[in-house]
N, C-alpha and C. Protein backbone atom coordinates (compact mmCIF):
# COMPACT_ATOMS: atom_id res chain seq x y z
N MET A 1 0.84 -1.17 0.00
CA MET A 1 0.00 0.00 0.00
C MET A 1 0.89 1.25 0.00
N ILE A 2 0.60 2.18 -0.88
CA ILE A 2 1.34 3.43 -0.97
C ILE A 2 0.53 4.51 -0.27
N LYS A 3 1.17 5.14 0.73
CA LYS A 3 0.48 6.17 1.52
C LYS A 3 1.24 7.49 1.43
N LEU A 4 0.50 8.58 1.50
CA LEU A 4 1.05 9.92 1.48
C LEU A 4 0.85 10.56 2.85
N PHE A 5 1.93 11.14 3.42
CA PHE A 5 1.88 11.77 4.73
C PHE A 5 2.32 13.23 4.64
N LYS A 6 1.87 14.02 5.60
CA LYS A 6 2.33 15.41 5.72
C LYS A 6 3.84 15.44 5.93
N SER A 7 4.45 16.55 5.64
CA SER A 7 5.91 16.67 5.71
C SER A 7 6.45 16.54 7.13
N ASN A 8 5.64 16.88 8.12
CA ASN A 8 6.11 16.85 9.51
C ASN A 8 5.57 15.64 10.29
N GLU A 9 5.02 14.66 9.59
CA GLU A 9 4.45 13.48 10.27
C GLU A 9 5.53 12.66 10.97
N THR A 10 5.19 12.15 12.14
CA THR A 10 6.11 11.28 12.88
C THR A 10 5.49 9.92 13.21
N ASN A 11 4.17 9.79 13.03
CA ASN A 11 3.48 8.54 13.29
C ASN A 11 2.97 8.00 11.95
N PHE A 12 3.52 6.86 11.53
CA PHE A 12 3.19 6.33 10.22
C PHE A 12 2.34 5.05 10.30
N SER A 13 1.61 4.90 11.41
CA SER A 13 0.79 3.71 11.61
C SER A 13 -0.66 3.90 11.16
N HIS A 14 -0.95 5.00 10.50
CA HIS A 14 -2.31 5.26 9.99
C HIS A 14 -2.25 5.46 8.48
N ASP A 15 -3.36 5.79 7.86
CA ASP A 15 -3.42 5.91 6.40
C ASP A 15 -2.91 7.24 5.87
N GLY A 16 -2.49 8.15 6.73
CA GLY A 16 -1.93 9.42 6.28
C GLY A 16 -2.97 10.33 5.63
N VAL A 17 -2.50 11.19 4.76
CA VAL A 17 -3.37 12.13 4.04
C VAL A 17 -4.18 11.39 2.99
N GLU A 18 -3.54 10.47 2.28
CA GLU A 18 -4.20 9.70 1.22
C GLU A 18 -3.55 8.33 1.09
N VAL A 19 -4.33 7.35 0.69
CA VAL A 19 -3.82 6.07 0.20
C VAL A 19 -3.88 6.18 -1.32
N LEU A 20 -2.74 5.95 -1.99
CA LEU A 20 -2.63 6.27 -3.41
C LEU A 20 -2.67 5.04 -4.33
N ASP A 21 -3.01 3.89 -3.80
CA ASP A 21 -2.98 2.66 -4.59
C ASP A 21 -3.85 2.71 -5.85
N ASP A 22 -4.98 3.40 -5.78
CA ASP A 22 -5.89 3.43 -6.93
C ASP A 22 -5.45 4.37 -8.05
N ILE A 23 -4.43 5.21 -7.81
CA ILE A 23 -3.95 6.09 -8.89
C ILE A 23 -2.50 5.83 -9.26
N VAL A 24 -1.85 4.87 -8.62
CA VAL A 24 -0.44 4.60 -8.93
C VAL A 24 -0.33 3.89 -10.28
N ILE A 25 0.59 4.36 -11.12
CA ILE A 25 0.90 3.71 -12.39
C ILE A 25 2.12 2.82 -12.19
N SER A 26 3.14 3.37 -11.55
CA SER A 26 4.35 2.60 -11.26
C SER A 26 5.08 3.26 -10.09
N SER A 27 5.85 2.45 -9.40
CA SER A 27 6.64 2.96 -8.29
C SER A 27 7.83 2.03 -8.09
N TYR A 28 9.01 2.60 -8.07
CA TYR A 28 10.19 1.77 -7.84
C TYR A 28 11.20 2.55 -7.02
N THR A 29 12.09 1.81 -6.39
CA THR A 29 13.18 2.42 -5.64
C THR A 29 14.49 1.89 -6.18
N ASN A 30 15.54 2.68 -6.02
CA ASN A 30 16.87 2.30 -6.46
C ASN A 30 17.82 2.45 -5.28
N TRP A 31 18.33 1.33 -4.82
CA TRP A 31 19.23 1.28 -3.67
C TRP A 31 20.64 1.02 -4.15
N LYS A 32 21.57 1.90 -3.80
CA LYS A 32 22.99 1.67 -4.05
C LYS A 32 23.64 1.48 -2.69
N GLU A 33 24.17 0.29 -2.45
CA GLU A 33 24.69 -0.04 -1.12
C GLU A 33 25.66 1.03 -0.62
N ASN A 34 25.42 1.49 0.61
CA ASN A 34 26.24 2.51 1.27
C ASN A 34 26.36 3.79 0.46
N SER A 35 25.32 4.13 -0.29
CA SER A 35 25.40 5.33 -1.11
C SER A 35 24.11 6.14 -1.06
N SER A 36 23.03 5.63 -1.65
CA SER A 36 21.78 6.38 -1.68
C SER A 36 20.61 5.44 -1.90
N TRP A 37 19.43 5.95 -1.62
CA TRP A 37 18.21 5.19 -1.86
C TRP A 37 17.18 6.18 -2.34
N VAL A 38 16.79 6.09 -3.60
CA VAL A 38 15.87 7.04 -4.20
C VAL A 38 14.62 6.32 -4.70
N SER A 39 13.57 7.08 -4.90
CA SER A 39 12.32 6.52 -5.41
C SER A 39 11.80 7.36 -6.56
N GLU A 40 11.03 6.72 -7.42
CA GLU A 40 10.30 7.44 -8.46
C GLU A 40 8.93 6.78 -8.58
N SER A 41 7.90 7.56 -8.45
CA SER A 41 6.53 7.05 -8.50
C SER A 41 5.73 7.88 -9.49
N LYS A 42 4.94 7.18 -10.31
CA LYS A 42 4.05 7.84 -11.26
C LYS A 42 2.61 7.60 -10.82
N PHE A 43 1.85 8.69 -10.85
CA PHE A 43 0.44 8.64 -10.44
C PHE A 43 -0.44 9.24 -11.53
N LYS A 44 -1.61 8.62 -11.77
CA LYS A 44 -2.57 9.17 -12.72
C LYS A 44 -3.04 10.53 -12.22
N LYS A 45 -3.18 11.45 -13.13
CA LYS A 45 -3.80 12.73 -12.76
C LYS A 45 -5.29 12.50 -12.65
N ASP A 46 -5.81 12.75 -11.48
CA ASP A 46 -7.25 12.57 -11.28
C ASP A 46 -7.89 13.84 -10.72
N PHE A 47 -7.10 14.90 -10.60
CA PHE A 47 -7.58 16.20 -10.14
C PHE A 47 -8.24 16.14 -8.77
N ASP A 48 -7.88 15.15 -8.01
CA ASP A 48 -8.34 15.02 -6.64
C ASP A 48 -7.16 14.54 -5.81
N LYS A 49 -6.96 13.24 -5.78
CA LYS A 49 -5.84 12.69 -5.00
C LYS A 49 -4.49 13.16 -5.51
N SER A 50 -4.30 13.15 -6.81
CA SER A 50 -2.98 13.52 -7.35
C SER A 50 -2.62 14.97 -7.03
N GLU A 51 -3.61 15.81 -6.86
CA GLU A 51 -3.34 17.22 -6.53
C GLU A 51 -2.89 17.41 -5.08
N THR A 52 -3.09 16.42 -4.24
CA THR A 52 -2.64 16.53 -2.84
C THR A 52 -1.15 16.22 -2.70
N ILE A 53 -0.54 15.61 -3.72
CA ILE A 53 0.89 15.24 -3.67
C ILE A 53 1.73 16.48 -3.90
N LYS A 54 2.54 16.82 -2.91
CA LYS A 54 3.37 18.03 -2.97
C LYS A 54 4.82 17.70 -2.58
N GLU A 55 5.73 18.55 -3.01
CA GLU A 55 7.12 18.42 -2.58
C GLU A 55 7.21 18.53 -1.07
N ASP A 56 8.13 17.83 -0.49
CA ASP A 56 8.44 17.79 0.94
C ASP A 56 7.53 16.85 1.72
N MET A 57 6.45 16.35 1.10
CA MET A 57 5.60 15.37 1.77
C MET A 57 6.35 14.03 1.80
N ILE A 58 5.79 13.06 2.51
CA ILE A 58 6.44 11.77 2.69
C ILE A 58 5.59 10.67 2.08
N LEU A 59 6.21 9.84 1.26
CA LEU A 59 5.55 8.66 0.70
C LEU A 59 6.02 7.43 1.46
N GLN A 60 5.10 6.58 1.84
CA GLN A 60 5.44 5.28 2.42
C GLN A 60 5.26 4.26 1.30
N LEU A 61 6.37 3.62 0.91
CA LEU A 61 6.37 2.72 -0.24
C LEU A 61 6.77 1.31 0.16
N PRO A 62 6.16 0.30 -0.45
CA PRO A 62 6.64 -1.06 -0.24
C PRO A 62 7.95 -1.27 -1.01
N THR A 63 8.93 -1.86 -0.37
CA THR A 63 10.22 -2.14 -1.01
C THR A 63 10.63 -3.56 -0.66
N GLU A 64 11.75 -3.99 -1.21
CA GLU A 64 12.26 -5.32 -0.88
C GLU A 64 12.69 -5.41 0.58
N LYS A 65 12.83 -4.27 1.25
CA LYS A 65 13.19 -4.23 2.67
C LYS A 65 11.99 -3.85 3.54
N GLY A 66 10.77 -4.06 3.02
CA GLY A 66 9.56 -3.72 3.76
C GLY A 66 9.10 -2.30 3.44
N LEU A 67 8.14 -1.80 4.21
CA LEU A 67 7.66 -0.43 4.01
C LEU A 67 8.73 0.56 4.40
N GLN A 68 8.99 1.53 3.52
CA GLN A 68 10.02 2.54 3.77
C GLN A 68 9.47 3.92 3.46
N LEU A 69 10.08 4.94 4.08
CA LEU A 69 9.63 6.32 3.93
C LEU A 69 10.58 7.09 3.01
N PHE A 70 9.99 7.86 2.08
CA PHE A 70 10.76 8.66 1.14
C PHE A 70 10.22 10.08 1.13
N ARG A 71 11.11 11.05 1.29
CA ARG A 71 10.75 12.46 1.22
C ARG A 71 10.66 12.86 -0.24
N ILE A 72 9.54 13.45 -0.65
CA ILE A 72 9.38 13.89 -2.04
C ILE A 72 10.23 15.14 -2.26
N LEU A 73 11.17 15.04 -3.18
CA LEU A 73 12.07 16.15 -3.48
C LEU A 73 11.61 16.94 -4.71
N LYS A 74 10.97 16.24 -5.65
CA LYS A 74 10.59 16.91 -6.89
C LYS A 74 9.30 16.30 -7.43
N ILE A 75 8.42 17.17 -7.90
CA ILE A 75 7.18 16.77 -8.56
C ILE A 75 7.23 17.27 -10.00
N ASN A 76 6.92 16.39 -10.93
CA ASN A 76 6.85 16.78 -12.33
C ASN A 76 5.42 16.59 -12.80
N LYS A 77 4.76 17.69 -13.18
CA LYS A 77 3.36 17.65 -13.61
C LYS A 77 3.21 18.00 -15.09
N LYS A 78 4.31 17.94 -15.86
CA LYS A 78 4.27 18.37 -17.26
C LYS A 78 3.44 17.45 -18.15
N ASN A 79 3.41 16.17 -17.84
CA ASN A 79 2.63 15.23 -18.62
C ASN A 79 1.14 15.45 -18.34
N LYS A 80 0.30 15.29 -19.36
CA LYS A 80 -1.14 15.52 -19.20
C LYS A 80 -1.86 14.39 -18.49
N LYS A 81 -1.25 13.17 -18.50
CA LYS A 81 -1.93 12.01 -17.95
C LYS A 81 -1.45 11.58 -16.58
N TYR A 82 -0.24 11.95 -16.22
CA TYR A 82 0.30 11.52 -14.94
C TYR A 82 1.28 12.54 -14.35
N ILE A 83 1.53 12.40 -13.05
CA ILE A 83 2.57 13.19 -12.39
C ILE A 83 3.63 12.22 -11.88
N THR A 84 4.85 12.71 -11.77
CA THR A 84 5.97 11.91 -11.27
C THR A 84 6.48 12.54 -9.99
N ALA A 85 6.64 11.72 -8.96
CA ALA A 85 7.20 12.17 -7.68
C ALA A 85 8.53 11.46 -7.46
N THR A 86 9.59 12.24 -7.32
CA THR A 86 10.92 11.70 -7.09
C THR A 86 11.29 11.99 -5.64
N GLY A 87 11.83 10.99 -4.96
CA GLY A 87 12.14 11.17 -3.55
C GLY A 87 13.45 10.52 -3.13
N ARG A 88 13.82 10.77 -1.90
CA ARG A 88 15.02 10.18 -1.29
C ARG A 88 14.62 9.61 0.06
N HIS A 89 15.21 8.46 0.40
CA HIS A 89 14.89 7.81 1.67
C HIS A 89 15.07 8.81 2.81
N ILE A 90 14.12 8.81 3.72
CA ILE A 90 14.10 9.79 4.80
C ILE A 90 15.34 9.71 5.71
N GLY A 91 15.95 8.53 5.79
CA GLY A 91 17.15 8.38 6.60
C GLY A 91 18.31 9.24 6.13
N PHE A 92 18.32 9.59 4.84
CA PHE A 92 19.40 10.42 4.31
C PHE A 92 19.27 11.88 4.71
N GLU A 93 18.21 12.23 5.45
CA GLU A 93 18.10 13.58 6.00
C GLU A 93 19.13 13.80 7.11
N PHE A 94 19.74 12.71 7.58
CA PHE A 94 20.84 12.84 8.54
C PHE A 94 21.99 13.63 7.91
N ASN A 95 21.98 13.72 6.59
CA ASN A 95 22.96 14.50 5.85
C ASN A 95 22.84 15.99 6.18
N ASN A 96 21.66 16.42 6.64
CA ASN A 96 21.43 17.84 6.94
C ASN A 96 21.96 18.24 8.31
N ASN A 97 22.50 17.30 9.06
CA ASN A 97 23.06 17.60 10.36
C ASN A 97 24.58 17.64 10.24
N PHE A 98 25.24 18.18 11.23
CA PHE A 98 26.66 18.48 11.14
C PHE A 98 27.38 18.02 12.40
N ILE A 99 28.52 17.42 12.20
CA ILE A 99 29.38 17.05 13.32
C ILE A 99 30.55 18.04 13.33
N LYS A 100 30.62 18.82 14.39
CA LYS A 100 31.69 19.80 14.51
C LYS A 100 33.02 19.10 14.82
N TYR A 101 33.01 18.27 15.87
CA TYR A 101 34.22 17.54 16.23
C TYR A 101 33.85 16.41 17.19
N ILE A 102 34.27 15.21 16.87
CA ILE A 102 34.22 14.11 17.82
C ILE A 102 35.48 13.27 17.65
N ASN A 103 35.93 12.70 18.74
CA ASN A 103 37.10 11.83 18.74
C ASN A 103 36.67 10.50 19.35
N ILE A 104 36.58 9.49 18.52
CA ILE A 104 36.17 8.16 18.96
C ILE A 104 37.44 7.35 19.18
N VAL A 105 37.67 6.91 20.41
CA VAL A 105 38.93 6.24 20.74
C VAL A 105 38.67 4.81 21.21
N LYS A 106 39.20 3.87 20.46
CA LYS A 106 39.16 2.44 20.79
C LYS A 106 37.77 1.98 21.25
N LYS A 107 36.81 2.10 20.33
CA LYS A 107 35.43 1.69 20.63
C LYS A 107 34.95 0.70 19.59
N THR A 108 33.98 -0.13 20.00
CA THR A 108 33.32 -1.02 19.06
C THR A 108 32.46 -0.19 18.11
N GLY A 109 32.06 -0.82 17.01
CA GLY A 109 31.14 -0.15 16.09
C GLY A 109 29.85 0.24 16.78
N THR A 110 29.41 -0.60 17.71
CA THR A 110 28.18 -0.33 18.46
C THR A 110 28.30 0.97 19.26
N ALA A 111 29.41 1.16 19.96
CA ALA A 111 29.62 2.37 20.76
C ALA A 111 29.94 3.57 19.87
N ALA A 112 30.70 3.34 18.79
CA ALA A 112 31.09 4.44 17.91
C ALA A 112 29.90 5.08 17.22
N ILE A 113 28.97 4.27 16.77
CA ILE A 113 27.82 4.82 16.05
C ILE A 113 26.93 5.65 16.99
N LYS A 114 26.87 5.24 18.25
CA LYS A 114 26.11 6.04 19.23
C LYS A 114 26.81 7.37 19.50
N GLN A 115 28.15 7.36 19.49
CA GLN A 115 28.88 8.62 19.68
C GLN A 115 28.67 9.55 18.48
N ILE A 116 28.62 8.98 17.30
CA ILE A 116 28.35 9.79 16.10
C ILE A 116 26.94 10.39 16.20
N GLN A 117 25.97 9.57 16.57
CA GLN A 117 24.60 10.06 16.71
C GLN A 117 24.52 11.19 17.72
N GLY A 118 25.22 11.08 18.82
CA GLY A 118 25.18 12.10 19.87
C GLY A 118 26.09 13.29 19.60
N GLY A 119 26.93 13.20 18.56
CA GLY A 119 27.91 14.25 18.29
C GLY A 119 27.48 15.29 17.28
N THR A 120 26.21 15.26 16.88
CA THR A 120 25.76 16.24 15.89
C THR A 120 25.46 17.59 16.55
N VAL A 121 25.59 18.63 15.78
CA VAL A 121 25.34 19.98 16.28
C VAL A 121 23.87 20.13 16.69
N PHE A 122 22.97 19.63 15.87
CA PHE A 122 21.54 19.73 16.15
C PHE A 122 21.04 18.38 16.65
N GLU A 123 20.15 18.42 17.61
CA GLU A 123 19.54 17.18 18.10
C GLU A 123 18.87 16.49 16.92
N ASN A 124 18.99 15.18 16.86
CA ASN A 124 18.37 14.48 15.74
C ASN A 124 17.39 13.43 16.23
N LYS A 125 16.54 12.98 15.31
CA LYS A 125 15.49 12.04 15.65
C LYS A 125 15.84 10.62 15.24
N TYR A 126 17.08 10.39 14.86
CA TYR A 126 17.47 9.08 14.38
C TYR A 126 18.02 8.22 15.50
N ASN A 127 17.78 6.93 15.38
CA ASN A 127 18.30 5.96 16.33
C ASN A 127 19.28 5.08 15.56
N LEU A 128 20.53 5.46 15.57
CA LEU A 128 21.55 4.69 14.86
C LEU A 128 21.96 3.50 15.71
N SER A 129 22.21 2.38 15.05
CA SER A 129 22.66 1.20 15.79
C SER A 129 23.60 0.39 14.91
N SER A 130 24.41 -0.41 15.56
CA SER A 130 25.36 -1.28 14.88
C SER A 130 25.55 -2.53 15.72
N ASN A 131 25.85 -3.62 15.05
CA ASN A 131 26.20 -4.85 15.76
C ASN A 131 27.67 -5.22 15.52
N ILE A 132 28.45 -4.26 15.10
CA ILE A 132 29.87 -4.50 14.78
C ILE A 132 30.69 -4.46 16.07
N SER A 133 31.43 -5.52 16.31
CA SER A 133 32.23 -5.61 17.54
C SER A 133 33.69 -5.21 17.31
N THR A 134 34.06 -4.91 16.08
CA THR A 134 35.42 -4.47 15.77
C THR A 134 35.74 -3.21 16.57
N ILE A 135 36.95 -3.14 17.11
CA ILE A 135 37.39 -1.97 17.87
C ILE A 135 38.29 -1.13 16.98
N ALA A 136 37.99 0.16 16.92
CA ALA A 136 38.77 1.09 16.10
C ALA A 136 38.63 2.49 16.67
N SER A 137 39.33 3.43 16.05
CA SER A 137 39.29 4.84 16.46
C SER A 137 39.10 5.71 15.22
N ALA A 138 38.52 6.87 15.41
CA ALA A 138 38.35 7.82 14.32
C ALA A 138 38.16 9.22 14.90
N ARG A 139 38.68 10.19 14.21
CA ARG A 139 38.49 11.60 14.57
C ARG A 139 37.72 12.24 13.43
N MET A 140 36.57 12.81 13.75
CA MET A 140 35.71 13.41 12.73
C MET A 140 35.58 14.90 12.99
N VAL A 141 35.95 15.67 11.99
CA VAL A 141 35.93 17.12 12.10
C VAL A 141 35.16 17.69 10.91
N ARG A 142 34.14 18.50 11.23
CA ARG A 142 33.35 19.20 10.21
C ARG A 142 32.85 18.26 9.11
N LYS A 143 32.01 17.33 9.50
CA LYS A 143 31.40 16.39 8.54
C LYS A 143 29.89 16.40 8.72
N ASN A 144 29.18 16.20 7.62
CA ASN A 144 27.74 16.00 7.78
C ASN A 144 27.50 14.56 8.20
N GLY A 145 26.31 14.27 8.67
CA GLY A 145 26.00 12.96 9.25
C GLY A 145 26.23 11.79 8.32
N ILE A 146 25.81 11.91 7.06
CA ILE A 146 25.97 10.80 6.12
C ILE A 146 27.43 10.60 5.75
N THR A 147 28.18 11.67 5.57
CA THR A 147 29.61 11.54 5.27
C THR A 147 30.34 10.88 6.44
N ALA A 148 29.95 11.22 7.66
CA ALA A 148 30.57 10.59 8.83
C ALA A 148 30.32 9.09 8.84
N LEU A 149 29.15 8.68 8.37
CA LEU A 149 28.84 7.25 8.34
C LEU A 149 29.37 6.55 7.10
N LEU A 150 29.13 7.12 5.93
CA LEU A 150 29.36 6.42 4.67
C LEU A 150 30.42 7.04 3.78
N GLY A 151 31.08 8.09 4.22
CA GLY A 151 32.04 8.79 3.38
C GLY A 151 33.22 7.94 2.93
N ASN A 152 33.87 8.39 1.88
CA ASN A 152 35.03 7.68 1.34
C ASN A 152 36.31 7.99 2.10
N GLU A 153 36.29 9.00 2.97
CA GLU A 153 37.48 9.39 3.70
C GLU A 153 37.90 8.30 4.68
N ASP A 154 39.15 8.39 5.12
CA ASP A 154 39.73 7.41 6.03
C ASP A 154 39.02 7.38 7.38
N ASN A 155 38.45 8.49 7.82
CA ASN A 155 37.85 8.56 9.16
C ASN A 155 36.34 8.41 9.17
N SER A 156 35.75 7.76 8.18
CA SER A 156 34.30 7.52 8.23
C SER A 156 34.04 6.21 8.96
N PHE A 157 32.81 6.04 9.41
CA PHE A 157 32.43 4.81 10.11
C PHE A 157 32.70 3.58 9.23
N ILE A 158 32.29 3.65 7.97
CA ILE A 158 32.45 2.52 7.06
C ILE A 158 33.93 2.17 6.87
N SER A 159 34.79 3.17 6.74
CA SER A 159 36.20 2.87 6.51
C SER A 159 36.90 2.32 7.75
N ARG A 160 36.45 2.68 8.94
CA ARG A 160 37.10 2.22 10.17
C ARG A 160 36.48 0.95 10.75
N TRP A 161 35.15 0.85 10.71
CA TRP A 161 34.48 -0.28 11.33
C TRP A 161 33.91 -1.28 10.31
N GLY A 162 33.73 -0.82 9.06
CA GLY A 162 33.18 -1.69 8.04
C GLY A 162 31.67 -1.76 8.11
N GLY A 163 31.11 -2.80 7.52
CA GLY A 163 29.67 -2.97 7.52
C GLY A 163 29.01 -2.29 6.35
N TYR A 164 27.70 -2.22 6.41
CA TYR A 164 26.94 -1.55 5.38
C TYR A 164 25.64 -1.02 5.96
N LEU A 165 25.10 -0.02 5.29
CA LEU A 165 23.86 0.61 5.74
C LEU A 165 22.69 -0.26 5.34
């Protein structure tokens, strides 16, 4: 079931603003391991439900990993028969937060990821977790949240502790 939620919704256990199953033409997601997760959904123009779909709203989509949330980044209404909504997995909004400075010294991946979560400039709503028992150290200076986790640099979580998102 494809559901549409308001941009500030935090409870996704209800039907949201609309259930869009009856107007969906196609919907797919593209996952690149440790990189990005994007969605593209096409909906019939019906001048009712389709008009409620706006940028910044949240789509709940069925994926191979279960129901997932995607923030709508772009709406294309140029076609006369359908609209296209392009989105990014909501977890990648951690990219909008910033780590000023943290020094992780001889910690497991489990402890390190919690230090990264707690080391952001702005309080965040994410619950990061890891089951990696490898012990390592990293110093992170002026990085956004996703770069701290998945960046190519030597001091990212992935480069020091391994694993995948």
